[in-house]
Protein backbone atom coordinates (compact mmCIF):
# COMPACT_ATOMS: atom_id res chain seq x y z
CA MET A 1 -11.23 -4.15 26.75
CA LYS A 2 -10.82 -7.41 28.28
CA THR A 3 -14.04 -8.59 26.28
CA THR A 4 -12.42 -7.28 23.20
CA VAL A 5 -9.06 -8.76 23.49
CA THR A 6 -10.84 -12.06 24.69
CA ALA A 7 -13.02 -11.96 21.40
CA THR A 8 -10.45 -11.10 18.94
CA CYS A 9 -8.23 -14.07 20.68
CA LEU A 10 -10.86 -16.83 19.95
CA VAL A 11 -11.30 -15.06 16.38
CA LEU A 12 -7.92 -16.00 15.59
CA ALA A 13 -7.61 -19.31 17.24
CA ALA A 14 -10.49 -20.41 15.24
CA MET A 15 -8.95 -19.25 12.07
CA VAL A 16 -5.60 -21.22 13.14
CA ALA A 17 -7.40 -24.61 13.97
CA GLN A 18 -8.27 -24.91 10.31
CA GLY A 19 -4.79 -25.63 9.48
CA GLU A 20 -1.20 -24.45 9.15
CA PHE A 21 0.32 -24.00 5.64
CA LYS A 22 1.52 -27.43 4.43
CA MET A 23 2.93 -26.93 0.62
CA ASP A 24 1.75 -29.12 -1.90
CA ARG A 25 4.74 -28.56 -4.60
CA SER A 26 2.63 -30.72 -7.04
CA ALA A 27 0.30 -27.68 -7.60
CA MET A 28 3.13 -26.18 -9.58
CA SER A 29 5.15 -27.69 -12.91
CA ALA A 30 8.66 -29.04 -12.84
CA LYS A 31 9.70 -25.64 -15.13
CA TYR A 32 8.14 -23.54 -12.15
CA TRP A 33 10.64 -25.56 -9.79
CA GLU A 34 13.36 -25.03 -11.97
CA ILE A 35 13.10 -21.38 -11.54
CA TRP A 36 12.49 -21.66 -8.01
CA ASN A 37 15.11 -23.90 -7.46
CA ASP A 38 17.39 -25.05 -4.49
CA GLY A 39 20.20 -22.57 -5.55
CA VAL A 40 17.90 -19.77 -5.74
CA GLN A 41 16.17 -20.82 -2.50
CA ALA A 42 19.33 -21.07 -0.60
CA LYS A 43 20.79 -17.51 -2.12
CA ILE A 44 17.34 -16.23 -0.74
CA ASP A 45 17.94 -17.85 2.60
CA ALA A 46 21.16 -15.85 2.96
CA ALA A 47 20.17 -12.73 1.99
CA ILE A 48 17.51 -12.68 4.69
CA GLU A 49 20.16 -13.97 7.38
CA ARG A 50 21.83 -11.09 6.29
CA ASN A 51 19.48 -8.55 5.80
CA ARG A 52 16.61 -9.20 8.27
CA LYS A 53 18.73 -10.48 11.37
CA ALA A 54 21.25 -8.90 13.87
CA ASP A 55 23.45 -9.76 16.82
CA ALA A 56 22.12 -9.06 20.08
CA GLU A 57 24.09 -8.80 23.67
CA ILE A 58 22.07 -8.15 26.45
CA ALA A 59 22.92 -7.16 29.95
CA VAL A 60 20.33 -9.13 32.65
CA ASP A 61 20.61 -9.29 36.31
CA ALA A 62 20.70 -13.08 36.65
CA PRO A 63 23.36 -15.43 37.96
CA ALA A 64 25.71 -17.00 35.45
CA GLY A 65 24.44 -20.17 33.57
CA THR A 66 20.55 -18.78 33.85
CA GLU A 67 18.60 -20.02 31.04
CA VAL A 68 16.56 -17.23 29.48
CA THR A 69 13.92 -17.64 27.15
CA VAL A 70 14.16 -15.67 24.03
CA GLU A 71 10.69 -14.42 22.27
CA GLN A 72 9.84 -12.27 19.71
CA THR A 73 6.55 -10.36 20.00
CA SER A 74 6.61 -8.08 17.01
CA HIS A 75 8.74 -7.03 13.92
CA ALA A 76 10.81 -3.99 12.82
CA PHE A 77 9.72 -5.30 9.38
CA PHE A 78 6.57 -3.80 8.15
CA PHE A 79 3.75 -6.60 6.92
CA GLY A 80 0.74 -4.44 5.81
CA ALA A 81 -2.81 -4.36 4.15
CA HIS A 82 -5.27 -1.98 3.38
CA ILE A 83 -8.06 -1.88 5.71
CA PHE A 84 -10.65 -0.37 3.09
CA ASN A 85 -13.32 -2.64 4.12
CA TYR A 86 -13.57 -1.95 7.76
CA ASN A 87 -17.19 -2.65 9.22
CA GLN A 88 -18.17 -2.96 5.27
CA LEU A 89 -18.18 -7.04 5.27
CA GLY A 90 -22.08 -7.56 6.23
CA LYS A 91 -21.81 -9.49 9.48
CA LYS A 92 -20.61 -8.65 12.70
CA GLU A 93 -18.47 -12.04 12.80
CA TRP A 94 -17.03 -11.18 9.59
CA ASN A 95 -16.24 -7.45 10.38
CA ASP A 96 -14.67 -9.34 13.65
CA ARG A 97 -12.28 -11.29 12.21
CA TYR A 98 -11.25 -8.67 9.77
CA LYS A 99 -10.28 -6.10 12.01
CA ALA A 100 -8.82 -8.54 14.38
CA LEU A 101 -5.91 -9.38 11.45
CA TYR A 102 -4.47 -5.47 12.02
CA GLY A 103 -2.07 -6.12 15.20
CA THR A 104 -1.92 -9.79 14.51
CA LEU A 105 -0.96 -11.07 10.79
CA PHE A 106 -0.69 -7.21 9.90
CA ASN A 107 1.33 -4.63 11.98
CA SER A 108 0.80 -1.82 9.34
CA ALA A 109 -2.23 -0.87 7.83
CA THR A 110 -2.95 1.64 4.40
CA VAL A 111 -5.80 3.85 5.19
CA ALA A 112 -8.27 5.15 2.28
CA PHE A 113 -7.88 9.01 1.57
CA TYR A 114 -8.94 9.25 -2.00
CA TRP A 115 -9.94 12.67 -2.37
CA ARG A 116 -13.15 12.09 -4.15
CA THR A 117 -14.86 10.10 -1.76
CA LEU A 118 -13.29 11.66 1.01
CA GLU A 119 -14.48 15.31 0.09
CA VAL A 120 -17.92 14.85 -1.83
CA TYR A 121 -18.58 18.45 -1.62
CA PRO A 122 -15.89 21.35 -1.51
CA HIS A 123 -14.76 22.16 2.11
CA ALA A 124 -16.37 19.35 3.75
CA PRO A 125 -13.97 16.36 4.04
CA ARG A 126 -15.69 13.51 5.66
CA PHE A 127 -12.78 12.47 8.49
CA ALA A 128 -15.51 11.99 10.93
CA GLU A 129 -17.92 8.71 11.01
CA SER A 130 -21.42 9.24 10.32
CA TYR A 131 -24.41 6.75 10.25
CA GLU A 132 -23.50 5.47 6.50
CA ASP A 133 -20.09 4.63 8.05
CA THR A 134 -21.61 2.47 10.62
CA GLU A 135 -21.61 -1.62 10.95
CA ASN A 136 -25.11 -1.17 11.16
CA PHE A 137 -25.36 0.53 8.00
CA TRP A 138 -23.37 -2.03 6.06
CA ASN A 139 -25.03 -4.77 7.92
CA ALA A 140 -28.27 -3.70 6.70
CA CYS A 141 -27.35 -2.83 2.85
CA PRO A 142 -28.33 -5.36 0.12
CA GLN A 143 -25.80 -3.83 -2.45
CA PRO A 144 -22.73 -2.51 -1.03
CA LYS A 145 -21.15 -2.17 -4.25
CA GLU A 146 -23.70 0.29 -5.09
CA GLN A 147 -22.34 2.67 -2.44
CA PRO A 148 -20.23 5.58 -3.66
CA HIS A 149 -18.39 5.05 -0.45
CA TRP A 150 -17.74 1.07 -0.75
CA ARG A 151 -14.07 0.48 -0.05
CA ARG A 152 -13.84 4.07 1.58
CA PRO A 153 -14.68 4.27 5.05
CA ALA A 154 -14.08 7.64 6.79
CA PRO A 155 -10.91 7.69 8.56
CA ASP A 156 -11.29 8.67 12.05
CA PRO A 157 -12.73 5.30 13.46
CA VAL A 158 -10.23 3.30 11.44
CA ILE A 159 -7.48 5.18 12.68
CA SER A 160 -8.47 4.93 16.07
CA HIS A 161 -9.13 1.18 15.81
CA LEU A 162 -5.45 0.71 14.44
CA LYS A 163 -3.95 2.77 17.65
CA THR A 164 -5.70 0.60 19.88
CA ARG A 165 -3.96 -2.49 17.80
CA GLY A 166 -0.69 -1.11 17.92
CA CYS A 167 -0.66 -0.72 14.06
CA ARG A 168 1.70 1.24 12.11
CA ILE A 169 -0.59 3.99 9.69
CA HIS A 170 0.13 4.59 6.28
CA GLY A 171 -2.08 7.44 4.36
CA HIS A 172 -3.22 6.79 0.59
CA PRO A 173 -2.95 8.85 -1.41
CA LEU A 174 -2.52 12.61 -1.13
CA VAL A 175 -2.07 13.49 -4.64
CA TRP A 176 -2.86 11.49 -7.73
CA GLY A 177 -4.12 12.61 -10.97
CA ASN A 178 -6.58 10.21 -11.75
CA ASN A 179 -10.22 11.95 -12.43
CA ALA A 180 -12.37 8.71 -12.37
CA TRP A 181 -10.53 7.20 -8.70
CA HIS A 182 -9.47 10.60 -6.83
CA THR A 183 -9.87 13.89 -8.41
CA PRO A 184 -13.43 14.78 -7.09
CA THR A 185 -16.20 15.76 -9.42
CA TRP A 186 -16.78 19.05 -8.52
CA LEU A 187 -13.40 20.63 -8.88
CA TRP A 188 -13.91 20.92 -12.94
CA ASP A 189 -17.52 20.96 -12.45
CA ASP A 190 -17.58 23.79 -10.38
CA PHE A 191 -14.54 25.49 -10.27
CA CYS A 192 -14.01 26.05 -13.99
CA PRO A 193 -16.41 28.43 -15.14
CA GLU A 194 -19.05 28.25 -17.86
CA SER A 195 -17.23 30.93 -19.69
CA GLU A 196 -13.78 28.94 -19.75
CA LYS A 197 -15.37 25.42 -20.28
CA PHE A 198 -16.94 26.75 -23.44
CA ALA A 199 -13.87 28.66 -24.62
CA LEU A 200 -12.07 25.10 -24.50
CA ALA A 201 -14.87 23.68 -26.37
CA GLN A 202 -15.09 26.04 -29.07
CA ALA A 203 -11.28 25.81 -29.69
CA THR A 204 -11.07 21.69 -29.47
CA GLY A 205 -14.40 20.82 -30.31
CA VAL A 206 -14.33 18.63 -27.56
CA THR A 207 -17.12 18.76 -24.80
CA MET A 208 -16.26 17.34 -21.60
CA PRO A 209 -18.43 13.94 -20.33
CA GLN A 210 -21.14 14.68 -17.59
CA ARG A 211 -20.11 13.60 -14.31
CA ASP A 212 -22.72 12.82 -11.05
CA VAL A 213 -21.24 13.02 -7.65
CA THR A 214 -23.58 10.20 -6.47
CA LEU A 215 -21.68 7.98 -9.00
CA PRO A 216 -20.91 4.33 -7.71
CA MET A 217 -17.87 2.46 -7.52
CA GLY A 218 -19.16 -0.38 -10.14
CA VAL A 219 -17.27 -1.59 -12.85
CA LYS A 220 -19.27 -0.21 -15.89
CA ASP A 221 -19.96 3.52 -14.51
CA MET A 222 -16.16 3.89 -13.31
CA LYS A 223 -14.66 2.35 -16.05
CA ASP A 224 -16.59 4.14 -18.56
CA ASN A 225 -15.94 7.59 -16.63
CA GLU A 226 -12.36 6.79 -16.73
CA ARG A 227 -11.97 6.37 -20.50
CA GLY A 228 -14.51 9.31 -21.19
CA TRP A 229 -12.13 11.72 -19.27
CA ALA A 230 -8.64 9.99 -20.67
CA ALA A 231 -10.73 10.31 -24.36
CA ALA A 232 -11.80 13.96 -23.93
CA TRP A 233 -8.32 15.15 -22.59
CA ARG A 234 -5.95 13.49 -25.27
CA ALA A 235 -8.55 15.14 -28.01
CA ILE A 236 -7.75 18.14 -26.53
CA TYR A 237 -3.91 17.72 -26.45
CA ALA A 238 -3.98 16.87 -29.88
CA LYS A 239 -5.38 20.28 -30.33
CA LEU A 240 -3.48 22.72 -28.00
CA SER A 241 -0.42 22.97 -25.91
CA GLU A 242 -0.40 23.12 -22.31
CA GLU A 243 0.26 26.59 -22.20
CA GLU A 244 -2.76 27.33 -24.67
CA ILE A 245 -4.93 25.09 -22.55
CA ALA A 246 -3.72 26.94 -19.57
CA LYS A 247 -4.72 30.50 -21.28
CA LEU A 248 -8.24 29.26 -22.24
CA VAL A 249 -8.65 27.84 -18.26
CA PRO A 250 -6.77 30.10 -15.74
CA THR A 251 -9.55 30.24 -13.35
CA PHE A 252 -9.29 26.49 -13.23
CA VAL A 253 -5.65 26.15 -13.24
CA LYS A 254 -5.38 28.14 -9.98
CA ALA A 255 -8.21 26.34 -8.35
CA GLN A 256 -6.75 22.95 -9.19
CA ARG A 257 -3.52 23.88 -7.54
CA ASP A 258 -4.93 25.74 -4.35
CA PHE A 259 -7.32 23.18 -3.45
CA MET A 260 -4.14 20.37 -3.86
CA ALA A 261 -2.79 22.53 -1.54
CA LYS A 262 -5.57 22.98 1.13
CA ARG A 263 -6.24 19.50 0.85
CA ILE A 264 -2.73 18.44 2.17
CA ALA A 265 -2.76 21.16 4.35
CA ASP A 266 -6.11 19.99 6.09
CA ILE A 267 -5.50 16.60 6.27
CA GLY A 268 -2.03 17.45 7.77
CA ALA A 269 -4.04 19.36 10.56
CA ARG A 270 -5.91 16.46 11.62
CA TYR A 271 -3.89 13.58 11.00
CA GLY A 272 0.03 14.81 10.95
CA SER A 273 0.85 13.71 14.18
CA ARG A 274 -1.44 10.61 14.10
CA VAL A 275 -0.49 8.93 10.54
CA ASP A 276 3.01 7.89 10.09
CA SER A 277 3.48 7.75 6.85
CA TRP A 278 2.10 8.66 3.47
CA ASP A 279 1.94 7.98 -0.20
CA VAL A 280 2.34 11.64 -0.67
CA VAL A 281 2.43 11.14 -4.79
CA ASN A 282 0.57 8.42 -6.52
CA GLU A 283 1.23 6.96 -10.07
CA SER A 284 3.19 10.18 -11.14
CA ALA A 285 6.21 8.72 -13.26
CA THR A 286 4.74 8.31 -16.42
CA ASP A 287 3.62 11.74 -16.69
CA TRP A 288 7.28 12.88 -15.46
CA ALA A 289 8.41 10.59 -18.37
CA ASP A 290 6.05 11.84 -20.93
CA GLY A 291 6.83 15.48 -20.04
CA ALA A 292 9.94 17.36 -19.79
CA ARG A 293 11.71 14.66 -17.61
CA ARG A 294 12.97 17.30 -15.02
CA THR A 295 11.65 18.49 -11.95
CA TRP A 296 12.58 22.12 -10.68
CA PRO A 297 12.45 23.20 -7.18
CA THR A 298 9.55 25.31 -5.98
CA GLY A 299 10.70 29.02 -6.07
CA GLU A 300 12.85 29.34 -8.70
CA SER A 301 11.91 31.83 -11.55
CA SER A 302 9.52 30.45 -14.36
CA ALA A 303 11.17 30.06 -17.84
CA LYS A 304 9.41 30.24 -20.79
CA ASN A 305 9.34 26.18 -21.23
CA ARG A 306 7.39 25.98 -17.27
CA GLN A 307 3.87 25.86 -17.94
CA PRO A 308 1.32 26.29 -15.18
CA VAL A 309 0.02 23.05 -16.11
CA THR A 310 1.14 19.59 -17.26
CA LYS A 311 -0.07 17.16 -19.93
CA SER A 312 -0.91 14.25 -17.41
CA ARG A 313 -2.21 10.62 -18.85
CA TYR A 314 -5.08 11.58 -16.57
CA GLY A 315 -6.08 15.06 -17.36
CA LEU A 316 -4.56 18.29 -16.51
CA MET A 317 -2.48 18.57 -13.35
CA PRO A 318 -0.18 21.23 -12.11
CA ALA A 319 3.03 21.45 -13.59
CA ASN A 320 5.64 19.82 -11.42
CA TYR A 321 3.24 18.47 -9.50
CA ALA A 322 5.00 15.80 -7.85
CA TYR A 323 7.56 17.76 -6.56
CA GLU A 324 5.31 20.13 -5.40
CA ALA A 325 3.29 17.84 -3.47
CA ILE A 326 6.48 16.51 -1.70
CA VAL A 327 7.19 19.95 -0.36
CA LEU A 328 3.47 20.99 0.69
CA ALA A 329 3.44 17.44 2.57
CA ARG A 330 6.51 18.09 4.57
CA GLN A 331 5.21 21.66 5.42
CA ALA A 332 1.52 19.74 6.56
CA MET A 333 2.68 16.24 8.12
CA GLY A 334 5.94 17.71 9.77
CA PRO A 335 9.63 16.20 10.03
CA LYS A 336 8.60 13.02 11.53
CA ALA A 337 6.06 11.64 9.07
CA TRP A 338 7.98 9.05 6.51
CA LEU A 339 6.83 10.86 2.91
CA ASN A 340 6.49 8.13 0.13
CA VAL A 341 6.82 8.17 -3.30
CA ASN A 342 4.36 5.58 -4.68
CA GLU A 343 4.74 3.87 -8.45
CA TYR A 344 4.14 0.92 -10.61
CA ASN A 345 5.73 1.89 -13.68
CA MET A 346 9.21 0.35 -12.77
CA GLU A 347 10.50 1.84 -15.98
CA ALA A 348 10.35 5.40 -15.81
CA PHE A 349 10.41 5.30 -11.71
CA PRO A 350 14.37 4.94 -11.33
CA GLY A 351 14.59 8.02 -13.66
CA GLN A 352 11.96 10.09 -11.82
CA VAL A 353 13.26 8.99 -8.19
CA LYS A 354 16.69 10.37 -9.39
CA ASP A 355 15.42 13.97 -10.75
CA LEU A 356 13.28 14.68 -7.54
CA ALA A 357 16.35 13.70 -5.02
CA ALA A 358 18.65 15.68 -7.43
CA ASN A 359 16.41 18.98 -6.87
CA GLY A 360 16.14 18.45 -3.31
CA ALA A 361 12.69 16.79 -2.96
CA ASP A 362 12.22 16.18 1.12
CA PHE A 363 11.01 12.51 0.60
CA ASP A 364 11.96 9.30 2.72
CA VAL A 365 10.69 6.19 1.09
CA VAL A 366 10.08 4.72 -2.22
CA GLY A 367 6.79 2.75 -3.23
CA SER A 368 6.85 0.12 -5.71
CA GLN A 369 3.84 -2.10 -6.57
CA MET A 370 3.38 -5.48 -7.96
CA HIS A 371 -0.40 -6.68 -9.05
CA LEU A 372 -1.22 -9.62 -10.57
CA PHE A 373 -4.76 -9.02 -11.74
CA ASN A 374 -5.53 -11.67 -14.15
CA PRO A 375 -5.97 -15.42 -12.93
CA ALA A 376 -4.44 -16.79 -16.47
CA GLU A 377 -1.34 -15.39 -15.48
CA SER A 378 -1.01 -17.47 -12.28
CA VAL A 379 -2.05 -20.48 -14.51
CA LYS A 380 1.46 -19.35 -16.45
CA ILE A 381 3.25 -18.91 -13.59
CA ALA A 382 2.58 -22.49 -11.94
CA ALA A 383 3.63 -23.57 -15.54
CA GLY A 384 6.70 -22.07 -15.62
CA GLU A 385 5.84 -19.66 -17.86
CA TYR A 386 5.59 -15.89 -17.92
CA ALA A 387 2.27 -13.81 -19.69
CA SER A 388 4.70 -11.12 -20.65
CA PRO A 389 8.04 -9.94 -20.31
CA SER A 390 6.37 -7.36 -17.84
CA VAL A 391 5.30 -10.34 -15.68
CA LYS A 392 8.47 -11.72 -15.71
CA LYS A 393 10.04 -8.46 -14.60
CA LYS A 394 7.79 -8.72 -11.90
CA ILE A 395 7.99 -12.39 -10.47
CA ASP A 396 11.30 -14.15 -11.76
CA PRO A 397 13.64 -14.19 -8.53
CA GLY A 398 16.58 -12.61 -10.73
CA GLU A 399 14.46 -10.01 -12.38
CA ILE A 400 13.41 -9.39 -8.87
CA GLU A 401 16.84 -8.87 -7.49
CA LYS A 402 17.72 -6.39 -10.16
CA THR A 403 14.68 -4.31 -10.39
CA PHE A 404 15.13 -3.52 -6.70
CA ALA A 405 18.95 -2.92 -6.88
CA GLU A 406 17.87 -0.65 -9.66
CA ILE A 407 15.38 1.29 -7.56
CA ALA A 408 17.91 1.06 -4.50
CA VAL A 409 20.58 3.17 -6.36
CA ALA A 410 17.98 5.71 -7.94
CA ALA A 411 16.68 5.90 -3.85
CA GLY A 412 20.05 6.91 -2.92
CA GLY A 413 19.78 4.87 0.23
CA ARG A 414 16.00 5.30 1.03
CA PRO A 415 14.29 2.13 1.91
CA ILE A 416 11.64 0.56 -0.41
CA HIS A 417 8.33 0.02 0.58
CA LEU A 418 6.53 -2.67 -1.55
CA SER A 419 3.33 -0.83 -1.10
CA GLU A 420 0.54 -2.60 -3.30
CA ILE A 421 0.59 -6.62 -3.80
CA THR A 422 -2.18 -8.51 -5.72
CA ILE A 423 -1.32 -12.18 -6.06
CA THR A 424 -4.54 -13.57 -7.69
CA ALA A 425 -5.63 -17.45 -7.76
CA PRO A 426 -6.46 -19.40 -10.86
CA ASP A 427 -9.86 -20.42 -9.33
CA ILE A 428 -11.30 -21.10 -6.18
CA SER A 429 -10.36 -25.01 -6.10
CA ALA A 430 -7.75 -26.32 -3.67
CA LYS A 431 -5.45 -26.42 -6.31
CA GLY A 432 -6.07 -22.82 -7.22
CA GLN A 433 -5.76 -21.60 -3.81
CA MET A 434 -2.48 -24.05 -3.66
CA VAL A 435 -1.11 -22.32 -6.59
CA GLN A 436 -1.65 -18.62 -5.17
CA ALA A 437 -0.24 -19.47 -1.82
CA ILE A 438 3.22 -21.19 -3.50
CA ILE A 439 3.45 -17.85 -5.48
CA LEU A 440 2.98 -15.60 -2.07
CA HIS A 441 5.49 -18.01 -0.21
CA ASN A 442 8.07 -17.89 -2.74
CA LEU A 443 7.75 -14.06 -3.77
CA TYR A 444 7.53 -12.72 0.05
CA ARG A 445 10.59 -14.69 0.59
CA ALA A 446 12.20 -12.91 -2.44
CA TRP A 447 10.80 -9.66 -1.30
CA PHE A 448 11.72 -9.79 2.29
CA ALA A 449 15.47 -10.99 1.18
CA VAL A 450 15.92 -7.24 -0.30
CA GLU A 451 18.42 -5.09 1.48
CA LYS A 452 16.49 -1.77 1.50
CA MET A 453 13.24 -3.10 1.72
CA ASN A 454 11.16 -2.23 4.97
CA GLY A 455 7.71 -3.24 4.26
CA ILE A 456 5.35 -5.42 2.08
CA THR A 457 1.72 -4.65 1.90
CA TRP A 458 -1.05 -6.61 0.64
CA TRP A 459 -4.04 -5.16 -1.12
CA ASN A 460 -7.00 -7.12 -1.08
CA VAL A 461 -7.61 -8.96 1.95
CA VAL A 462 -11.26 -10.35 1.21
CA ASP A 463 -12.18 -11.90 -2.16
CA ASP A 464 -15.18 -9.95 -4.12
CA CYS A 465 -13.74 -6.75 -2.29
CA GLY A 466 -11.46 -5.18 -4.83
CA ALA A 467 -11.99 -2.26 -7.07
CA PRO A 468 -14.02 -2.36 -10.27
CA GLY A 469 -11.52 -4.52 -12.95
CA GLU A 470 -9.78 -6.03 -9.82
CA PRO A 471 -9.91 -9.84 -9.51
CA SER A 472 -12.52 -11.20 -7.15
CA ILE A 473 -10.10 -14.40 -6.24
CA SER A 474 -7.47 -12.17 -5.22
CA GLY A 475 -7.75 -12.45 -1.42
CA LEU A 476 -6.61 -14.30 1.48
CA PHE A 477 -9.97 -14.70 2.71
CA ARG A 478 -13.48 -15.66 0.94
CA ARG A 479 -16.01 -13.18 1.22
CA ASP A 480 -17.53 -14.58 4.36
CA MET A 481 -13.84 -14.48 5.87
CA ARG A 482 -13.02 -18.07 5.54
CA PRO A 483 -9.19 -18.06 5.39
CA LYS A 484 -7.66 -19.22 2.23
CA THR A 485 -4.55 -21.50 1.57
CA ALA A 486 -2.84 -18.01 1.00
CA TYR A 487 -3.33 -16.77 4.44
CA PHE A 488 -2.00 -20.04 5.94
CA ALA A 489 1.11 -19.38 3.49
CA MET A 490 1.43 -15.96 4.96
CA ASP A 491 0.90 -16.65 8.56
CA ASP A 492 3.50 -19.03 8.38
CA LEU A 493 6.03 -16.89 7.12
CA ILE A 494 5.40 -13.50 9.41
CA ASN A 495 4.24 -15.27 12.86
CA ARG A 496 6.57 -18.70 12.61
CA VAL A 497 9.48 -18.77 10.22
CA TRP A 498 10.46 -15.07 10.36
CA LYS A 499 9.68 -14.69 14.40
CA THR A 500 12.75 -15.91 16.78
CA LYS A 501 12.04 -17.92 19.94
CA THR A 502 14.95 -19.50 21.17
CA THR A 503 17.07 -19.89 24.72
CA ALA A 504 20.10 -18.41 25.83
CA ARG A 505 22.23 -18.95 29.12
CA VAL A 506 23.82 -15.85 31.08
CA VAL A 507 27.51 -15.41 30.75
CA ASP A 508 29.36 -12.35 32.63
CA GLY A 509 25.78 -10.88 33.34
CA LYS A 510 24.45 -10.90 29.55
CA VAL A 511 23.01 -13.15 27.01
CA SER A 512 23.72 -12.98 23.57
CA PHE A 513 21.77 -14.11 20.50
CA ARG A 514 20.90 -13.68 16.57
CA GLY A 515 17.15 -13.11 15.86
CA PHE A 516 15.29 -11.30 13.60
CA ARG A 517 14.78 -7.08 13.99
CA GLY A 518 12.12 -6.26 16.53
CA ARG A 519 10.73 -6.37 19.86
CA TYR A 520 11.37 -9.01 22.12
CA CYS A 521 10.54 -10.54 25.48
CA LEU A 522 13.25 -11.62 27.92
CA SER A 523 12.38 -14.09 30.82
CA TRP A 524 13.82 -15.72 33.30
CA LYS A 525 13.24 -17.56 36.90
CA ALA A 526 14.93 -15.53 39.62
CA ALA A 527 16.46 -17.46 42.62
CA ASP A 528 12.76 -17.19 44.81
CA GLY A 529 10.64 -18.44 41.95
CA ARG A 530 9.71 -14.96 40.55
CA VAL A 531 9.71 -14.81 36.75
CA VAL A 532 11.49 -11.84 35.74
CA LYS A 533 10.97 -10.00 32.34
CA LYS A 534 12.96 -7.61 30.13
CA LEU A 535 11.62 -6.10 26.90
CA ILE A 536 14.10 -4.93 24.17
CA ASP A 537 14.35 -3.54 20.66
CA LEU A 538 16.64 -5.24 18.34
CA ARG A 539 17.21 -3.08 15.56
C-alpha cells in the first residue's frame, strides 16, 4: 500500500507541476462576459456562501488563545466522473494517472452496469474480472474500440479499487429501454419464440433487424443497430396498439419483465451493501410523456387501459417500468442505498418526477444531464450566442436557476444530482482548450450554487474515449493522459477555491469558523510541543 500511495502522489505532483489554472478572459467575446457579468458572478458567490458553507463551533482541549489550524480534507459535495476506462488506456503510466484521479480530484465515481455488456449471455453476468478485463489485455490490444466491452469494465475490480480510494460509488444504470446500448441481444432473440416473431411479422410486415452478440461499440455498427431497431418498432406501432402487440408476443412480454426483475435482484445481492447510489431508471421521461402520463402503484388491479407493455421510443418495454424498477430496486438494494431517477429531457422530467412521487415511488435523488456534444456549440457560446433554445436552457445562468428551481419543486425536497456532464472544446488549440475551461469554470460555479444540488459528475475524462457519436475532444485529458486546461480549471475549484483552510484561536475551550461542508482536520500544539489533531465532519 505504501508503494501505491507514493506512486499516486508522484503522478499527481507531475500533473500539478504543469501549471495551475490562469483564466485568459480574451478567449471569450465581450458578449459572453455580458452574460456572465459581475452581477451574475456576485449572485453566484452569494448562493455558494449560503448553500455550500456552514458555521462550526468545536470543542478543543487547549488553553485560551491557542492557534488552531483548520484544514478541510474532503468534500460533503460529490464531485464525480465515470470510470468506464478503468485499465483500458493502453499503458500502465496512463492507467495509473487515470486511477489516481479517483479519491483526489473526484470523490465519487459512476460505475458501468449496462445490461448488454454486463450479461452478454443469459444467467451469466460478468461481475468478476477475466483476462479480457485486465490491464495486460488492454495494453496489448491494437484496436480497443473494436472490443465489445470497451468502456464497460467488469464491476468487481473497479469497485474494489474505489473502496481503497475512499470514493462514493454510483451504479449506472439498472433499467434503460435503449435496445442498442443497454438491452442484451439475447432477450428478443432467445426469449421471443419464433412462432411469436412470425405472428408479429405477419401482422405488421415488419422484420426485426439481425443482431450479433459480438457487435463492437463502433460508431457505424451501433448507430445502424439503434436506428434499425427504432425504425422497426415505429413501423410496428403504426400498425398495432400495445395491447395487440402484447397478445402476439406474450412469452416475450413475460420474459422481459422477469429478466428485468432478476437483473435488479442479482445486482442487489452482490453490490447492494457496496454501492452507495444507483441510477435505477435512465432516460424514461420521454416514454412517460408520450404515454398515459400517469404512474400507478404496483398491486393495483389492472384496468382495461393499462397494458402489460408500453410504447417506448426505444422499443417495447414493460408498462409502468420506471415505477416498477424503483420498487424492485428498493427491495434489492436496501434502505440505505440512494435511488436516482436519471434524465436528459428537462421538459418532461418535472412532470414525471411529480407523478412518481405522488404515487409513492420510494426514490431519493433526481438526476439531470447536461451534454454539449458539438464543438460548434462551444464556438457559439464563446461568442455569446446559443446554437438553439435548448442549449440556452442548459447553460444560460438565468435559465440554469429557473430549470433547477422547477426540478427542485417537482422533486419535493429531494436532492439533485447533475449526473452526466459533457463540455466539448472547439478544438485542441490553446485557445480552444481555454474556451472549454472557462465554460466549465462558470457552469460549475452556477451548478455548485444551486441549493438542492448534491453532486456534479463529469462524463468523459479522457479525449477519444467517449461513446460512438460523442465528441473526441470533450475530456479533461488528452488520450495519453496529458492534462488539458479544463483539468486545471476543475482542480482549482475543487481543491483550492472550494476547500477551506484557515486558523482560529481558542475561546472558552472552543474554536469557531465558517467553511465548506466536509471533513476537517483541526491541529494545534500542546504545551509539551506535541501536535494534537482532531477530525470533525461539518455538515
